[in-house]
C-alpha atoms as a PDB file:
ATOM      1  CA  MET A   1     -11.223 -33.903 -17.275  1.00  0.00           C
ATOM      2  CA  LYS A   2     -14.765 -32.799 -16.511  1.00  0.00           C
ATOM      3  CA  LEU A   3     -15.877 -29.202 -16.846  1.00  0.00           C
ATOM      4  CA  ASP A   4     -16.642 -29.112 -13.110  1.00  0.00           C
ATOM      5  CA  ASP A   5     -13.090 -30.218 -12.324  1.00  0.00           C
ATOM      6  CA  MET A   6     -11.675 -27.587 -14.654  1.00  0.00           C
ATOM      7  CA  MET A   7     -13.798 -24.869 -13.049  1.00  0.00           C
ATOM      8  CA  LYS A   8     -12.731 -25.972  -9.583  1.00  0.00           C
ATOM      9  CA  GLN A   9      -9.082 -25.935 -10.638  1.00  0.00           C
ATOM     10  CA  ALA A  10      -9.510 -22.443 -12.143  1.00  0.00           C
ATOM     11  CA  GLN A  11     -11.096 -21.164  -8.910  1.00  0.00           C
ATOM     12  CA  GLU A  12      -8.253 -22.634  -6.854  1.00  0.00           C
ATOM     13  CA  MET A  13      -5.733 -20.994  -9.167  1.00  0.00           C
ATOM     14  CA  GLN A  14      -7.523 -17.660  -8.859  1.00  0.00           C
ATOM     15  CA  GLY A  15      -7.391 -17.913  -5.055  1.00  0.00           C
ATOM     16  CA  LYS A  16      -3.682 -18.720  -5.166  1.00  0.00           C
ATOM     17  CA  MET A  17      -3.089 -15.794  -7.525  1.00  0.00           C
ATOM     18  CA  GLN A  18      -4.854 -13.375  -5.195  1.00  0.00           C
ATOM     19  CA  LYS A  19      -2.847 -14.632  -2.225  1.00  0.00           C
ATOM     20  CA  MET A  20       0.388 -14.322  -4.208  1.00  0.00           C
ATOM     21  CA  GLN A  21      -0.490 -10.764  -5.250  1.00  0.00           C
ATOM     22  CA  GLU A  22      -1.089  -9.826  -1.601  1.00  0.00           C
ATOM     23  CA  GLU A  23       2.266 -11.340  -0.654  1.00  0.00           C
ATOM     24  CA  VAL A  24       4.038  -9.406  -3.415  1.00  0.00           C
ATOM     25  CA  GLN A  25       2.472  -6.155  -2.248  1.00  0.00           C
ATOM     26  CA  ASN A  26       3.881  -6.701   1.242  1.00  0.00           C
ATOM     27  CA  ILE A  27       7.472  -7.475   0.271  1.00  0.00           C
ATOM     28  CA  GLU A  28      10.205  -4.885   0.501  1.00  0.00           C
ATOM     29  CA  VAL A  29      13.181  -4.582  -1.823  1.00  0.00           C
ATOM     30  CA  LYS A  30      16.208  -2.307  -1.778  1.00  0.00           C
ATOM     31  CA  GLY A  31      17.263  -0.485  -4.930  1.00  0.00           C
ATOM     32  CA  GLU A  32      20.729   1.030  -5.133  1.00  0.00           C
ATOM     33  CA  SER A  33      22.813   3.328  -7.282  1.00  0.00           C
ATOM     34  CA  GLY A  34      26.208   4.957  -7.089  1.00  0.00           C
ATOM     35  CA  ALA A  35      27.756   1.784  -5.635  1.00  0.00           C
ATOM     36  CA  GLY A  36      25.318   1.890  -2.728  1.00  0.00           C
ATOM     37  CA  MET A  37      25.601   5.604  -2.076  1.00  0.00           C
ATOM     38  CA  VAL A  38      21.865   5.970  -2.747  1.00  0.00           C
ATOM     39  CA  GLU A  39      19.440   3.363  -1.430  1.00  0.00           C
ATOM     40  CA  VAL A  40      15.678   3.180  -1.853  1.00  0.00           C
ATOM     41  CA  VAL A  41      13.450   0.745   0.029  1.00  0.00           C
ATOM     42  CA  MET A  42      10.257   0.014  -1.922  1.00  0.00           C
ATOM     43  CA  THR A  43       7.256  -2.212  -1.299  1.00  0.00           C
ATOM     44  CA  GLY A  44       5.708  -4.550  -3.822  1.00  0.00           C
ATOM     45  CA  ARG A  45       3.099  -1.849  -4.410  1.00  0.00           C
ATOM     46  CA  HIS A  46       5.911   0.431  -5.588  1.00  0.00           C
ATOM     47  CA  ASP A  47       5.556   2.644  -2.503  1.00  0.00           C
ATOM     48  CA  VAL A  48       8.912   4.115  -1.483  1.00  0.00           C
ATOM     49  CA  ARG A  49       9.380   3.544   2.257  1.00  0.00           C
ATOM     50  CA  LYS A  50      12.839   4.967   2.750  1.00  0.00           C
ATOM     51  CA  VAL A  51      15.554   6.859   0.901  1.00  0.00           C
ATOM     52  CA  THR A  52      19.116   6.871   2.198  1.00  0.00           C
ATOM     53  CA  LEU A  53      21.813   9.168   0.810  1.00  0.00           C
ATOM     54  CA  ASP A  54      25.488   8.883   1.623  1.00  0.00           C
ATOM     55  CA  PRO A  55      26.448  12.195   3.317  1.00  0.00           C
ATOM     56  CA  SER A  56      29.265  12.720   0.802  1.00  0.00           C
ATOM     57  CA  LEU A  57      26.626  13.179  -1.919  1.00  0.00           C
ATOM     58  CA  LEU A  58      25.242  16.297  -0.275  1.00  0.00           C
ATOM     59  CA  THR A  59      28.049  18.325  -1.826  1.00  0.00           C
ATOM     60  CA  GLU A  60      27.279  17.083  -5.355  1.00  0.00           C
ATOM     61  CA  ASP A  61      25.346  18.952  -8.019  1.00  0.00           C
ATOM     62  CA  LYS A  62      21.571  18.718  -7.945  1.00  0.00           C
ATOM     63  CA  GLU A  63      21.512  16.910 -11.314  1.00  0.00           C
ATOM     64  CA  ILE A  64      23.841  14.184 -10.052  1.00  0.00           C
ATOM     65  CA  LEU A  65      21.634  13.568  -7.011  1.00  0.00           C
ATOM     66  CA  GLU A  66      18.533  13.475  -9.207  1.00  0.00           C
ATOM     67  CA  ASP A  67      20.133  10.960 -11.570  1.00  0.00           C
ATOM     68  CA  LEU A  68      21.312   8.737  -8.726  1.00  0.00           C
ATOM     69  CA  LEU A  69      17.906   8.833  -7.043  1.00  0.00           C
ATOM     70  CA  ALA A  70      16.131   7.983 -10.304  1.00  0.00           C
ATOM     71  CA  ALA A  71      18.542   5.095 -10.892  1.00  0.00           C
ATOM     72  CA  ALA A  72      17.970   3.720  -7.371  1.00  0.00           C
ATOM     73  CA  VAL A  73      14.173   3.922  -7.787  1.00  0.00           C
ATOM     74  CA  ASN A  74      14.410   2.198 -11.172  1.00  0.00           C
ATOM     75  CA  ASP A  75      16.584  -0.525  -9.635  1.00  0.00           C
ATOM     76  CA  ALA A  76      13.979  -1.096  -6.912  1.00  0.00           C
ATOM     77  CA  VAL A  77      11.159  -1.250  -9.487  1.00  0.00           C
ATOM     78  CA  ARG A  78      13.059  -3.872 -11.488  1.00  0.00           C
ATOM     79  CA  LYS A  79      13.592  -5.914  -8.321  1.00  0.00           C
ATOM     80  CA  VAL A  80       9.879  -5.752  -7.450  1.00  0.00           C
ATOM     81  CA  GLU A  81       8.982  -6.888 -10.967  1.00  0.00           C
ATOM     82  CA  ALA A  82      11.558  -9.705 -10.835  1.00  0.00           C
ATOM     83  CA  LYS A  83      10.193 -10.861  -7.484  1.00  0.00           C
ATOM     84  CA  ASN A  84       6.673 -10.785  -8.902  1.00  0.00           C
ATOM     85  CA  SER A  85       7.794 -12.793 -11.933  1.00  0.00           C
ATOM     86  CA  ASP A  86       9.612 -15.340  -9.746  1.00  0.00           C
ATOM     87  CA  MET A  87       6.578 -15.819  -7.529  1.00  0.00           C
ATOM     88  CA  MET A  88       4.327 -16.203 -10.583  1.00  0.00           C
ATOM     89  CA  GLY A  89       6.723 -18.764 -12.033  1.00  0.00           C
ATOM     90  CA  ASN A  90       6.610 -20.741  -8.810  1.00  0.00           C
ATOM     91  CA  LEU A  91       2.816 -20.618  -8.809  1.00  0.00           C
ATOM     92  CA  THR A  92       2.429 -21.835 -12.381  1.00  0.00           C
ATOM     93  CA  ALA A  93       5.275 -24.386 -12.278  1.00  0.00           C
ATOM     94  CA  GLY A  94       4.092 -27.809 -13.240  1.00  0.00           C
ATOM     95  CA  MET A  95       0.869 -26.590 -14.803  1.00  0.00           C
ATOM     96  CA  GLY A  96       2.169 -26.918 -18.358  1.00  0.00           C
ATOM     97  CA  LEU A  97       1.546 -23.258 -19.159  1.00  0.00           C
ATOM     98  CA  PRO A  98       3.782 -21.572 -21.715  1.00  0.00           C
ATOM     99  CA  ALA A  99       6.400 -19.109 -20.471  1.00  0.00           C
ATOM    100  CA  GLY A 100       4.981 -15.618 -20.109  1.00  0.00           C
ATOM    101  CA  PHE A 101       1.370 -16.837 -20.047  1.00  0.00           C
ATOM    102  CA  LYS A 102      -0.936 -14.191 -18.570  1.00  0.00           C
ATOM    103  CA  MET A 103      -3.800 -15.381 -16.421  1.00  0.00           C
ATOM    104  CA  PRO A 104      -7.218 -13.908 -17.299  1.00  0.00           C
ATOM    105  CA  PHE A 105      -7.939 -12.895 -13.702  1.00  0.00           C
END
């Protein structure tokens, strides 16, 4: 493979990566805790769009609510990261790159 071909392929990959990153930023995921009693909707940028609390939780201790909210946010973050990883895997599939390979751009 010529150097020019390799450079062209790298530029195409960089363009695809940028497009994929934009797509990830625009997705929304729902994190949950307390068997769905707390829900958090988060974008791929980790911006929280919405928090929903089951009304029955309003009588609980402050610490319980804080723990459930933290767990729901953490669940949403893990889902964003998993979605990002899945999309990256789809992008690099068939390229012969080792698992977990980080692109330099």
